Protein backbone atom coordinates (compact mmCIF):
# COMPACT_ATOMS: atom_id res chain seq x y z
CA UNK A 1 -7.36 7.21 20.73
CA UNK A 2 -6.05 5.68 17.54
CA UNK A 3 -5.61 2.22 19.00
CA UNK A 4 -6.34 0.38 15.70
CA UNK A 5 -4.35 1.82 12.82
CA UNK A 6 -5.03 0.52 9.30
CA UNK A 7 -2.08 0.88 6.84
CA UNK A 8 -2.59 0.05 3.19
CA UNK A 9 0.79 -0.70 1.59
CA UNK A 10 1.78 -1.15 -2.02
CA UNK A 11 5.58 -1.18 -1.81
CA UNK A 12 6.11 2.37 -3.07
CA UNK A 13 8.41 4.76 -1.16
CA UNK A 14 5.41 6.92 -0.23
CA UNK A 15 3.62 3.85 1.15
CA UNK A 16 6.64 3.02 3.26
CA UNK A 17 6.69 6.63 4.55
CA UNK A 18 3.09 6.14 5.60
CA UNK A 19 4.10 2.93 7.41
CA UNK A 20 6.84 4.84 9.26
CA UNK A 21 4.29 7.41 10.43
CA UNK A 22 1.86 4.66 11.48
CA UNK A 23 4.61 3.09 13.51
CA UNK A 24 5.35 6.39 15.21
CA UNK A 25 1.62 6.90 15.90
CA UNK A 26 1.24 3.33 17.33
CA UNK A 27 4.17 4.00 19.63
CA UNK A 28 2.57 7.14 21.00
CA UNK A 29 -0.86 5.60 21.55
CA UNK A 30 0.26 2.03 22.43
CA UNK A 31 -1.82 1.00 19.45
CA UNK A 32 -1.72 -1.84 17.02
CA UNK A 33 -1.39 -1.90 13.27
CA UNK A 34 -3.18 -3.86 10.58
CA UNK A 35 -1.21 -3.94 7.31
CA UNK A 36 -3.31 -4.28 4.16
CA UNK A 37 -2.32 -5.05 0.60
CA UNK A 38 -4.73 -5.13 -2.30
CA UNK A 39 -4.22 -6.85 -5.63
CA UNK A 40 -6.45 -4.68 -7.80
CA UNK A 41 -7.65 -4.74 -11.40
CA UNK A 42 -5.03 -2.26 -12.51
CA UNK A 43 -2.02 -4.30 -11.24
CA UNK A 44 -3.64 -7.45 -12.75
CA UNK A 45 -4.23 -5.72 -16.11
CA UNK A 46 -0.65 -4.34 -16.25
CA UNK A 47 0.80 -7.79 -15.56
CA UNK A 48 -1.35 -9.61 -18.09
CA UNK A 49 -0.88 -6.95 -20.71
CA UNK A 50 2.92 -6.91 -20.31
CA UNK A 51 3.09 -10.69 -20.63
CA UNK A 52 0.22 -11.55 -22.98
CA UNK A 53 2.27 -14.49 -24.39
CA UNK A 54 2.90 -16.02 -20.97
CA UNK A 55 0.38 -18.63 -19.97
CA UNK A 56 0.67 -18.29 -16.21
CA UNK A 57 -1.52 -17.73 -13.29
CA UNK A 58 -1.08 -13.95 -12.87
CA UNK A 59 -3.32 -13.68 -9.88
CA UNK A 60 -1.21 -16.19 -8.00
CA UNK A 61 1.98 -14.29 -8.88
CA UNK A 62 0.47 -10.99 -7.76
CA UNK A 63 -0.85 -12.51 -4.55
CA UNK A 64 2.55 -14.05 -3.81
CA UNK A 65 4.23 -10.67 -4.33
CA UNK A 66 1.65 -9.02 -2.09
CA UNK A 67 2.23 -11.64 0.63
CA UNK A 68 5.99 -11.04 0.42
CA UNK A 69 5.47 -7.28 0.77
CA UNK A 70 3.20 -7.78 3.76
CA UNK A 71 5.78 -10.04 5.45
CA UNK A 72 8.55 -7.41 4.95
CA UNK A 73 6.29 -4.73 6.44
CA UNK A 74 5.18 -7.02 9.28
CA UNK A 75 8.85 -7.63 10.24
CA UNK A 76 9.47 -3.89 10.28
CA UNK A 77 6.50 -3.27 12.64
CA UNK A 78 7.45 -6.24 14.81
CA UNK A 79 10.92 -4.85 15.11
CA UNK A 80 9.38 -1.72 16.55
CA UNK A 81 7.68 -3.93 19.19
CA UNK A 82 4.21 -3.05 18.02
CA UNK A 83 1.26 -5.49 17.72
CA UNK A 84 0.54 -6.17 14.06
CA UNK A 85 -1.42 -8.40 11.71
CA UNK A 86 -1.90 -8.44 7.95
CA UNK A 87 -4.62 -8.87 5.43
CA UNK A 88 -4.31 -9.52 1.71
CA UNK A 89 -7.23 -8.84 -0.54
CA UNK A 90 -7.86 -8.95 -4.23
CA UNK A 91 -10.50 -7.06 -6.04
CA UNK A 92 -10.98 -7.43 -9.77
CA UNK A 93 -14.49 -6.01 -9.80
CA UNK A 94 -14.24 -2.75 -7.96
CA UNK A 95 -11.99 -0.22 -6.52
CA UNK A 96 -9.14 -0.09 -3.95
CA UNK A 97 -10.76 2.63 -1.89
CA UNK A 98 -13.89 0.57 -1.37
CA UNK A 99 -11.89 -2.29 0.08
CA UNK A 100 -9.87 -0.04 2.36
CA UNK A 101 -12.89 1.78 3.73
CA UNK A 102 -14.79 -1.55 4.17
CA UNK A 103 -11.77 -2.95 6.10
CA UNK A 104 -11.61 0.20 8.21
CA UNK A 105 -15.29 -0.18 9.14
CA UNK A 106 -15.31 -3.90 9.82
CA UNK A 107 -12.01 -4.32 11.63
CA UNK A 108 -12.74 -1.61 13.18
CA UNK A 109 -9.98 0.93 12.58
CA UNK A 110 -9.62 4.19 14.50
CA UNK A 111 -7.27 5.74 11.87
CA UNK A 112 -6.14 5.02 8.30
CA UNK A 113 -2.56 5.98 7.50
CA UNK A 114 -1.41 5.89 3.90
CA UNK A 115 1.27 7.33 1.68
CA UNK A 116 0.18 9.36 -1.26
CA UNK A 117 2.07 10.61 -4.29
CA UNK A 118 0.24 13.93 -4.06
CA UNK A 119 -0.45 14.06 -7.81
CA UNK A 120 -2.39 17.04 -9.05
CA UNK A 121 -3.92 18.21 -12.30
CA UNK A 122 -3.77 15.98 -15.35
CA UNK A 123 -1.60 13.32 -13.66
CA UNK A 124 -4.32 12.83 -11.01
CA UNK A 125 -7.06 12.73 -13.59
CA UNK A 126 -5.24 10.18 -15.74
CA UNK A 127 -4.00 7.95 -12.87
CA UNK A 128 -6.93 8.43 -10.46
CA UNK A 129 -6.46 8.88 -6.80
CA UNK A 130 -7.13 6.05 -4.36
CA UNK A 131 -5.91 8.28 -1.50
CA UNK A 132 -8.41 11.00 -2.40
CA UNK A 133 -11.31 8.51 -2.63
CA UNK A 134 -10.33 6.93 0.71
CA UNK A 135 -10.22 10.36 2.28
CA UNK A 136 -13.63 11.18 0.96
CA UNK A 137 -15.36 7.94 1.95
CA UNK A 138 -13.51 6.72 5.04
CA UNK A 139 -15.55 6.09 8.18
CA UNK A 140 -12.59 7.15 10.32
CA UNK A 141 -9.88 9.88 10.23
CA UNK A 142 -7.24 9.53 7.50
CA UNK A 143 -3.63 10.61 7.79
CA UNK A 144 -2.10 11.20 4.34
CA UNK A 145 1.71 11.09 4.21
CA UNK A 146 3.20 12.70 1.11
CA UNK A 147 6.68 12.42 -0.33
CA UNK A 148 8.53 15.73 -0.48
CA UNK A 149 7.75 17.46 -3.73
CA UNK A 150 11.34 18.19 -4.50
CA UNK A 151 12.68 14.70 -3.81
CA UNK A 152 13.70 12.56 -6.73
CA UNK A 153 12.45 8.98 -6.65
CA UNK A 154 15.80 7.62 -5.45
CA UNK A 155 15.90 10.27 -2.66
CA UNK A 156 12.37 9.36 -1.64
CA UNK A 157 13.25 5.68 -1.43
CA UNK A 158 16.33 6.41 0.58
CA UNK A 159 14.24 8.53 2.96
CA UNK A 160 11.87 5.60 3.40
CA UNK A 161 14.82 3.59 4.62
CA UNK A 162 14.36 0.61 2.40
CA UNK A 163 15.20 -0.75 -0.98
CA UNK A 164 12.61 -0.35 -3.76
CA UNK A 165 10.24 -3.32 -4.12
CA UNK A 166 11.23 -5.33 -7.16
CA UNK A 167 8.72 -7.59 -8.81
CA UNK A 168 10.26 -10.03 -11.22
CA UNK A 169 7.74 -11.86 -13.26
CA UNK A 170 8.49 -15.25 -14.80
CA UNK A 171 9.45 -14.33 -18.39
CA UNK A 172 12.24 -11.86 -17.47
CA UNK A 173 11.28 -9.53 -20.33
CA UNK A 174 10.09 -6.89 -17.98
CA UNK A 175 10.58 -6.04 -14.32
CA UNK A 176 8.28 -3.69 -12.46
CA UNK A 177 10.24 -1.67 -9.95
């Protein structure tokens, strides 16, 4: 049971909490983990909007940052002596949840573990909810790991046991943290 655990990661503290839970689950079941990062249209749009004057290859920058994140997460899972591999996808024509559920079906995963911010109300409507869509459409069980509601962002990152992901794009005018 739960031998193949798919873990989408985005570098957020909640995503890292999800990874911690996936590691614990893999230890219990002697399972393996597939880490997945998706460069989506929102991250691409934010990067190109913020640096409209920079003539760079944004997709390459976002892919490189995703690969670096996957490598950090891979090292964490390997340190726990769990079998692990990674997959980096980009999707500029559709949604994150479609890629996650497709990966879960084709790999094939027995479980998807992901961190969620647990947004409700207007925040969820404005920002959308990949976790909710994955939960609704996944072909396998989904374990959602939320950050404590009363934790401030710094406390949540400290609880995740890692430094926040810092993305420094070439112009230096803006850093996404």
